[in-house]
């Protein structure tokens, strides 16, 4: 049964890498984002095909199980991405506020 999951996950990972590559060529994803997401999907597929590799890596860091290591890393990455998104949204919000304010002042000056 695990082979079925491995095949399905690998197909999904290949589609995800293809999507990343397409977005990169469309200019919607920068070089750092492209490298990050391709590396992510390659590592995820590696962990699915060789689950003991995560346990070996976890033991290197003094963590008992590979699943725990994956969970810790995933949470750290998710919170980091959320932080970066929050900073980006705040910057966009300030930019929109500034533009609206400038436009309102120009319209007041016209009248």
C-alpha atoms as a PDB file:
ATOM      1  CA  UNK A   1       0.000   0.000   0.000  1.00  0.00           C
ATOM      2  CA  UNK A   2       2.889   2.359   0.711  1.00  0.00           C
ATOM      3  CA  UNK A   3       4.086   2.019  -2.899  1.00  0.00           C
ATOM      4  CA  UNK A   4       0.721   3.347  -4.123  1.00  0.00           C
ATOM      5  CA  UNK A   5       1.083   6.414  -1.882  1.00  0.00           C
ATOM      6  CA  UNK A   6       4.686   6.894  -2.964  1.00  0.00           C
ATOM      7  CA  UNK A   7       3.705   6.863  -6.627  1.00  0.00           C
ATOM      8  CA  UNK A   8       0.759   9.228  -6.125  1.00  0.00           C
ATOM      9  CA  UNK A   9       2.873  11.604  -4.025  1.00  0.00           C
ATOM     10  CA  UNK A  10       5.685  11.515  -6.573  1.00  0.00           C
ATOM     11  CA  UNK A  11       3.269  12.405  -9.371  1.00  0.00           C
ATOM     12  CA  UNK A  12       1.914  15.248  -7.255  1.00  0.00           C
ATOM     13  CA  UNK A  13       5.449  16.452  -6.495  1.00  0.00           C
ATOM     14  CA  UNK A  14       6.323  16.367 -10.209  1.00  0.00           C
ATOM     15  CA  UNK A  15       3.230  18.431 -11.005  1.00  0.00           C
ATOM     16  CA  UNK A  16       4.151  20.862  -8.239  1.00  0.00           C
ATOM     17  CA  UNK A  17       7.706  21.232  -9.584  1.00  0.00           C
ATOM     18  CA  UNK A  18       6.249  21.772 -13.060  1.00  0.00           C
ATOM     19  CA  UNK A  19       3.963  24.474 -11.688  1.00  0.00           C
ATOM     20  CA  UNK A  20       6.872  26.143  -9.901  1.00  0.00           C
ATOM     21  CA  UNK A  21       8.937  26.053 -13.092  1.00  0.00           C
ATOM     22  CA  UNK A  22       6.045  27.526 -15.111  1.00  0.00           C
ATOM     23  CA  UNK A  23       5.461  30.340 -12.604  1.00  0.00           C
ATOM     24  CA  UNK A  24       9.179  31.065 -12.617  1.00  0.00           C
ATOM     25  CA  UNK A  25       9.277  31.383 -16.401  1.00  0.00           C
ATOM     26  CA  UNK A  26       6.175  33.597 -16.325  1.00  0.00           C
ATOM     27  CA  UNK A  27       8.032  35.938 -13.980  1.00  0.00           C
ATOM     28  CA  UNK A  28       5.607  35.316 -11.119  1.00  0.00           C
ATOM     29  CA  UNK A  29       8.192  33.630  -8.896  1.00  0.00           C
ATOM     30  CA  UNK A  30      11.708  34.860  -8.179  1.00  0.00           C
ATOM     31  CA  UNK A  31      14.901  32.825  -8.230  1.00  0.00           C
ATOM     32  CA  UNK A  32      14.968  32.297  -4.441  1.00  0.00           C
ATOM     33  CA  UNK A  33      11.350  31.149  -4.425  1.00  0.00           C
ATOM     34  CA  UNK A  34      11.961  28.814  -7.349  1.00  0.00           C
ATOM     35  CA  UNK A  35      14.968  27.192  -5.696  1.00  0.00           C
ATOM     36  CA  UNK A  36      13.146  26.930  -2.346  1.00  0.00           C
ATOM     37  CA  UNK A  37      10.046  25.248  -3.761  1.00  0.00           C
ATOM     38  CA  UNK A  38      11.892  22.870  -6.080  1.00  0.00           C
ATOM     39  CA  UNK A  39      14.201  21.869  -3.219  1.00  0.00           C
ATOM     40  CA  UNK A  40      11.158  21.447  -0.956  1.00  0.00           C
ATOM     41  CA  UNK A  41       9.394  19.077  -3.361  1.00  0.00           C
ATOM     42  CA  UNK A  42      12.551  17.088  -4.072  1.00  0.00           C
ATOM     43  CA  UNK A  43      13.208  16.655  -0.347  1.00  0.00           C
ATOM     44  CA  UNK A  44       9.566  15.754   0.300  1.00  0.00           C
ATOM     45  CA  UNK A  45       9.648  13.073  -2.410  1.00  0.00           C
ATOM     46  CA  UNK A  46      12.947  11.789  -1.016  1.00  0.00           C
ATOM     47  CA  UNK A  47      11.417  11.505   2.452  1.00  0.00           C
ATOM     48  CA  UNK A  48       8.429   9.625   1.047  1.00  0.00           C
ATOM     49  CA  UNK A  49      10.554   7.123  -0.887  1.00  0.00           C
ATOM     50  CA  UNK A  50      13.175   6.691   1.879  1.00  0.00           C
ATOM     51  CA  UNK A  51      11.397   7.306   5.196  1.00  0.00           C
ATOM     52  CA  UNK A  52      14.344   5.990   7.230  1.00  0.00           C
ATOM     53  CA  UNK A  53      16.423   8.904   5.942  1.00  0.00           C
ATOM     54  CA  UNK A  54      14.382  11.283   8.100  1.00  0.00           C
ATOM     55  CA  UNK A  55      14.978   9.097  11.159  1.00  0.00           C
ATOM     56  CA  UNK A  56      18.712   9.025  10.501  1.00  0.00           C
ATOM     57  CA  UNK A  57      18.764  12.805  10.111  1.00  0.00           C
ATOM     58  CA  UNK A  58      16.598  13.257  13.231  1.00  0.00           C
ATOM     59  CA  UNK A  59      18.926  11.063  15.284  1.00  0.00           C
ATOM     60  CA  UNK A  60      21.836  13.231  14.153  1.00  0.00           C
ATOM     61  CA  UNK A  61      20.127  16.206  15.795  1.00  0.00           C
ATOM     62  CA  UNK A  62      19.128  14.258  18.904  1.00  0.00           C
ATOM     63  CA  UNK A  63      15.468  13.896  17.911  1.00  0.00           C
ATOM     64  CA  UNK A  64      13.957  10.453  18.325  1.00  0.00           C
ATOM     65  CA  UNK A  65      11.741  10.132  15.260  1.00  0.00           C
ATOM     66  CA  UNK A  66      11.966  11.385  11.701  1.00  0.00           C
ATOM     67  CA  UNK A  67       8.316  12.424  11.771  1.00  0.00           C
ATOM     68  CA  UNK A  68       9.046  14.730  14.694  1.00  0.00           C
ATOM     69  CA  UNK A  69      11.911  16.352  12.804  1.00  0.00           C
ATOM     70  CA  UNK A  70       9.655  16.910   9.783  1.00  0.00           C
ATOM     71  CA  UNK A  71       6.996  18.422  12.046  1.00  0.00           C
ATOM     72  CA  UNK A  72       9.459  20.799  13.734  1.00  0.00           C
ATOM     73  CA  UNK A  73      10.973  21.926  10.446  1.00  0.00           C
ATOM     74  CA  UNK A  74       7.542  22.320   8.848  1.00  0.00           C
ATOM     75  CA  UNK A  75       6.254  24.482  11.686  1.00  0.00           C
ATOM     76  CA  UNK A  76       9.348  26.681  11.593  1.00  0.00           C
ATOM     77  CA  UNK A  77       9.063  27.147   7.819  1.00  0.00           C
ATOM     78  CA  UNK A  78       5.311  27.828   7.993  1.00  0.00           C
ATOM     79  CA  UNK A  79       5.734  30.469  10.695  1.00  0.00           C
ATOM     80  CA  UNK A  80       8.608  32.074   8.791  1.00  0.00           C
ATOM     81  CA  UNK A  81       6.502  32.241   5.620  1.00  0.00           C
ATOM     82  CA  UNK A  82       3.581  33.661   7.608  1.00  0.00           C
ATOM     83  CA  UNK A  83       5.881  36.322   9.049  1.00  0.00           C
ATOM     84  CA  UNK A  84       7.157  37.270   5.590  1.00  0.00           C
ATOM     85  CA  UNK A  85       3.594  37.394   4.225  1.00  0.00           C
ATOM     86  CA  UNK A  86       2.493  39.577   7.136  1.00  0.00           C
ATOM     87  CA  UNK A  87       5.355  42.012   6.498  1.00  0.00           C
ATOM     88  CA  UNK A  88       4.491  42.078   2.773  1.00  0.00           C
ATOM     89  CA  UNK A  89       0.787  42.695   3.458  1.00  0.00           C
ATOM     90  CA  UNK A  90       1.583  45.498   5.905  1.00  0.00           C
ATOM     91  CA  UNK A  91       3.839  47.125   3.308  1.00  0.00           C
ATOM     92  CA  UNK A  92       1.155  46.858   0.643  1.00  0.00           C
ATOM     93  CA  UNK A  93      -1.420  48.290   3.018  1.00  0.00           C
ATOM     94  CA  UNK A  94       0.794  51.279   3.768  1.00  0.00           C
ATOM     95  CA  UNK A  95       1.414  51.767   0.046  1.00  0.00           C
ATOM     96  CA  UNK A  96      -2.307  51.731  -0.750  1.00  0.00           C
ATOM     97  CA  UNK A  97      -3.024  54.142   2.103  1.00  0.00           C
ATOM     98  CA  UNK A  98      -0.346  56.509   0.828  1.00  0.00           C
ATOM     99  CA  UNK A  99      -1.675  56.392  -2.740  1.00  0.00           C
ATOM    100  CA  UNK A 100      -5.274  56.990  -1.654  1.00  0.00           C
ATOM    101  CA  UNK A 101      -4.185  59.870   0.566  1.00  0.00           C
ATOM    102  CA  UNK A 102      -2.186  61.486  -2.266  1.00  0.00           C
ATOM    103  CA  UNK A 103      -5.070  61.070  -4.707  1.00  0.00           C
ATOM    104  CA  UNK A 104      -7.540  62.576  -2.224  1.00  0.00           C
ATOM    105  CA  UNK A 105      -5.235  65.556  -1.638  1.00  0.00           C
ATOM    106  CA  UNK A 106      -4.856  66.121  -5.397  1.00  0.00           C
ATOM    107  CA  UNK A 107      -8.621  66.081  -5.861  1.00  0.00           C
ATOM    108  CA  UNK A 108      -9.072  68.556  -3.025  1.00  0.00           C
ATOM    109  CA  UNK A 109      -6.481  70.855  -4.625  1.00  0.00           C
ATOM    110  CA  UNK A 110      -8.342  70.711  -7.964  1.00  0.00           C
ATOM    111  CA  UNK A 111     -11.516  72.027  -6.348  1.00  0.00           C
END
